[in-house]
Amino acid sequence: MYYYNPETGKFELVNAKVIVKDGYATFEIEYCSDYVLSKVDLTKTAETETKAAETVSGAEETKAETTTAAKDASIPKTGDNAAPAAAALAAVMSAAAGAVAFSRKKNAR
């Protein structure tokens, strides 16, 4: 995992212990920033300095693509879209049914 240092124009290795399993990468960071995961050692690549600017400038475009993908209809919906009024009505009806049952039981004694 590399950090792009805009002051030096170079990538800096910040974590070599990246675990990739089932398409997910796990790693530890000390602070939030923009990082790059790469199998290639970016600190020794001659093309790094020229590609670094492209990578950083492309970050905003990648974020926009990710946001668009997140809104894709093929992604399963999570969360509750049920109307709160229906839940409140069900709660009131349950309470009323409980009160009627309690009243009948009390009157039967």
C-alpha atoms as a PDB file:
ATOM      1  CA  MET A   1       0.000   0.000   0.000  1.00  0.00           C
ATOM      2  CA  TYR A   2       1.413   3.322  -1.043  1.00  0.00           C
ATOM      3  CA  TYR A   3       0.748   6.952  -0.190  1.00  0.00           C
ATOM      4  CA  TYR A   4       1.228   9.557  -2.895  1.00  0.00           C
ATOM      5  CA  ASN A   5       3.170  12.478  -1.453  1.00  0.00           C
ATOM      6  CA  PRO A   6       2.187  15.573  -3.461  1.00  0.00           C
ATOM      7  CA  GLU A   7       5.146  17.558  -2.103  1.00  0.00           C
ATOM      8  CA  THR A   8       7.749  15.107  -3.455  1.00  0.00           C
ATOM      9  CA  GLY A   9       5.674  13.795  -6.357  1.00  0.00           C
ATOM     10  CA  LYS A  10       6.492  10.210  -5.346  1.00  0.00           C
ATOM     11  CA  PHE A  11       4.775   7.192  -3.851  1.00  0.00           C
ATOM     12  CA  GLU A  12       5.850   6.122  -0.375  1.00  0.00           C
ATOM     13  CA  LEU A  13       5.413   2.572   0.936  1.00  0.00           C
ATOM     14  CA  VAL A  14       3.290   2.806   4.089  1.00  0.00           C
ATOM     15  CA  ASN A  15       2.166  -0.792   4.607  1.00  0.00           C
ATOM     16  CA  ALA A  16       3.553  -3.962   3.076  1.00  0.00           C
ATOM     17  CA  LYS A  17       1.185  -6.189   5.091  1.00  0.00           C
ATOM     18  CA  VAL A  18      -1.919  -6.104   2.893  1.00  0.00           C
ATOM     19  CA  ILE A  19      -4.062  -9.242   3.040  1.00  0.00           C
ATOM     20  CA  VAL A  20      -6.259  -9.886   0.004  1.00  0.00           C
ATOM     21  CA  LYS A  21      -8.958 -12.546   0.392  1.00  0.00           C
ATOM     22  CA  ASP A  22     -12.135 -13.116  -1.619  1.00  0.00           C
ATOM     23  CA  GLY A  23     -11.737  -9.805  -3.422  1.00  0.00           C
ATOM     24  CA  TYR A  24     -11.336  -7.724  -0.231  1.00  0.00           C
ATOM     25  CA  ALA A  25      -8.145  -6.068   0.986  1.00  0.00           C
ATOM     26  CA  THR A  26      -7.434  -5.792   4.711  1.00  0.00           C
ATOM     27  CA  PHE A  27      -4.760  -3.483   6.080  1.00  0.00           C
ATOM     28  CA  GLU A  28      -4.015  -1.102   8.936  1.00  0.00           C
ATOM     29  CA  ILE A  29      -3.536   2.645   8.565  1.00  0.00           C
ATOM     30  CA  GLU A  30      -2.456   5.311  11.021  1.00  0.00           C
ATOM     31  CA  TYR A  31      -4.550   8.093   9.479  1.00  0.00           C
ATOM     32  CA  CYS A  32      -7.058   8.538   6.680  1.00  0.00           C
ATOM     33  CA  SER A  33      -5.667   9.658   3.342  1.00  0.00           C
ATOM     34  CA  ASP A  34      -5.554   8.614  -0.306  1.00  0.00           C
ATOM     35  CA  TYR A  35      -3.740   5.306  -0.751  1.00  0.00           C
ATOM     36  CA  VAL A  36      -2.879   3.094  -3.710  1.00  0.00           C
ATOM     37  CA  LEU A  37      -2.733  -0.705  -3.644  1.00  0.00           C
ATOM     38  CA  SER A  38      -0.273  -2.189  -6.118  1.00  0.00           C
ATOM     39  CA  LYS A  39       1.560  -5.471  -6.727  1.00  0.00           C
ATOM     40  CA  VAL A  40       4.345  -3.458  -8.377  1.00  0.00           C
ATOM     41  CA  ASP A  41       6.888  -1.655  -6.187  1.00  0.00           C
ATOM     42  CA  LEU A  42       5.964   1.952  -6.974  1.00  0.00           C
ATOM     43  CA  THR A  43       8.992   3.364  -5.149  1.00  0.00           C
ATOM     44  CA  LYS A  44      11.355   1.825  -7.728  1.00  0.00           C
ATOM     45  CA  THR A  45       9.349   2.191 -10.918  1.00  0.00           C
ATOM     46  CA  ALA A  46      10.803   4.734 -13.336  1.00  0.00           C
ATOM     47  CA  GLU A  47       7.355   5.557 -14.683  1.00  0.00           C
ATOM     48  CA  THR A  48       6.039   6.300 -11.208  1.00  0.00           C
ATOM     49  CA  GLU A  49       6.654  10.027 -11.303  1.00  0.00           C
ATOM     50  CA  THR A  50       4.852  10.498 -14.600  1.00  0.00           C
ATOM     51  CA  LYS A  51       1.968   8.203 -13.649  1.00  0.00           C
ATOM     52  CA  ALA A  52       1.622   9.640 -10.148  1.00  0.00           C
ATOM     53  CA  ALA A  53      -0.026  12.811 -11.380  1.00  0.00           C
ATOM     54  CA  GLU A  54      -2.359  10.758 -13.581  1.00  0.00           C
ATOM     55  CA  THR A  55      -3.291   8.542 -10.621  1.00  0.00           C
ATOM     56  CA  VAL A  56      -4.056  11.462  -8.326  1.00  0.00           C
ATOM     57  CA  SER A  57      -5.959  13.410 -10.984  1.00  0.00           C
ATOM     58  CA  GLY A  58      -7.907  10.258 -11.853  1.00  0.00           C
ATOM     59  CA  ALA A  59      -8.926   9.778  -8.215  1.00  0.00           C
ATOM     60  CA  GLU A  60     -11.843  12.191  -8.485  1.00  0.00           C
ATOM     61  CA  GLU A  61     -13.041  10.433 -11.635  1.00  0.00           C
ATOM     62  CA  THR A  62     -12.802   7.059  -9.872  1.00  0.00           C
ATOM     63  CA  LYS A  63     -14.794   8.386  -6.908  1.00  0.00           C
ATOM     64  CA  ALA A  64     -17.502   9.579  -9.331  1.00  0.00           C
ATOM     65  CA  GLU A  65     -17.606   6.177 -11.042  1.00  0.00           C
ATOM     66  CA  THR A  66     -17.848   4.434  -7.667  1.00  0.00           C
ATOM     67  CA  THR A  67     -20.729   6.683  -6.623  1.00  0.00           C
ATOM     68  CA  THR A  68     -22.534   5.940  -9.880  1.00  0.00           C
ATOM     69  CA  ALA A  69     -21.967   2.203  -9.427  1.00  0.00           C
ATOM     70  CA  ALA A  70     -23.315   2.427  -5.888  1.00  0.00           C
ATOM     71  CA  LYS A  71     -26.582   3.754  -7.293  1.00  0.00           C
ATOM     72  CA  ASP A  72     -26.821   0.868  -9.780  1.00  0.00           C
ATOM     73  CA  ALA A  73     -30.165  -0.936  -9.638  1.00  0.00           C
ATOM     74  CA  SER A  74     -28.442  -4.337  -9.741  1.00  0.00           C
ATOM     75  CA  ILE A  75     -27.117  -3.778  -6.236  1.00  0.00           C
ATOM     76  CA  PRO A  76     -29.503  -5.247  -3.656  1.00  0.00           C
ATOM     77  CA  LYS A  77     -31.436  -2.733  -1.638  1.00  0.00           C
ATOM     78  CA  THR A  78     -30.818  -2.708   2.078  1.00  0.00           C
ATOM     79  CA  GLY A  79     -32.766  -0.846   4.691  1.00  0.00           C
ATOM     80  CA  ASP A  80     -36.414  -0.542   5.555  1.00  0.00           C
ATOM     81  CA  ASN A  81     -38.709   1.188   3.093  1.00  0.00           C
ATOM     82  CA  ALA A  82     -41.928   0.301   4.922  1.00  0.00           C
ATOM     83  CA  ALA A  83     -44.199   3.195   5.703  1.00  0.00           C
ATOM     84  CA  PRO A  84     -43.921   4.249   9.369  1.00  0.00           C
ATOM     85  CA  ALA A  85     -47.683   4.819   9.492  1.00  0.00           C
ATOM     86  CA  ALA A  86     -48.319   1.131   8.740  1.00  0.00           C
ATOM     87  CA  ALA A  87     -46.045   0.078  11.590  1.00  0.00           C
ATOM     88  CA  ALA A  88     -47.755   2.524  13.958  1.00  0.00           C
ATOM     89  CA  LEU A  89     -51.203   1.244  12.907  1.00  0.00           C
ATOM     90  CA  ALA A  90     -50.111  -2.351  13.509  1.00  0.00           C
ATOM     91  CA  ALA A  91     -48.830  -1.409  16.988  1.00  0.00           C
ATOM     92  CA  VAL A  92     -52.125   0.344  17.878  1.00  0.00           C
ATOM     93  CA  MET A  93     -54.176  -2.614  16.637  1.00  0.00           C
ATOM     94  CA  SER A  94     -52.048  -5.052  18.635  1.00  0.00           C
ATOM     95  CA  ALA A  95     -52.453  -2.937  21.768  1.00  0.00           C
ATOM     96  CA  ALA A  96     -56.231  -2.749  21.227  1.00  0.00           C
ATOM     97  CA  ALA A  97     -56.476  -6.528  20.728  1.00  0.00           C
ATOM     98  CA  GLY A  98     -54.454  -7.070  23.900  1.00  0.00           C
ATOM     99  CA  ALA A  99     -56.698  -4.697  25.858  1.00  0.00           C
ATOM    100  CA  VAL A 100     -59.853  -6.482  24.633  1.00  0.00           C
ATOM    101  CA  ALA A 101     -58.429  -9.900  25.540  1.00  0.00           C
ATOM    102  CA  PHE A 102     -57.369  -8.658  28.987  1.00  0.00           C
ATOM    103  CA  SER A 103     -60.793  -7.074  29.562  1.00  0.00           C
ATOM    104  CA  ARG A 104     -62.652 -10.257  28.605  1.00  0.00           C
ATOM    105  CA  LYS A 105     -60.416 -12.374  30.829  1.00  0.00           C
ATOM    106  CA  LYS A 106     -60.951  -9.975  33.755  1.00  0.00           C
ATOM    107  CA  ASN A 107     -64.740  -9.952  33.247  1.00  0.00           C
ATOM    108  CA  ALA A 108     -64.833 -13.773  33.089  1.00  0.00           C
ATOM    109  CA  ARG A 109     -63.642 -14.033  36.719  1.00  0.00           C
END
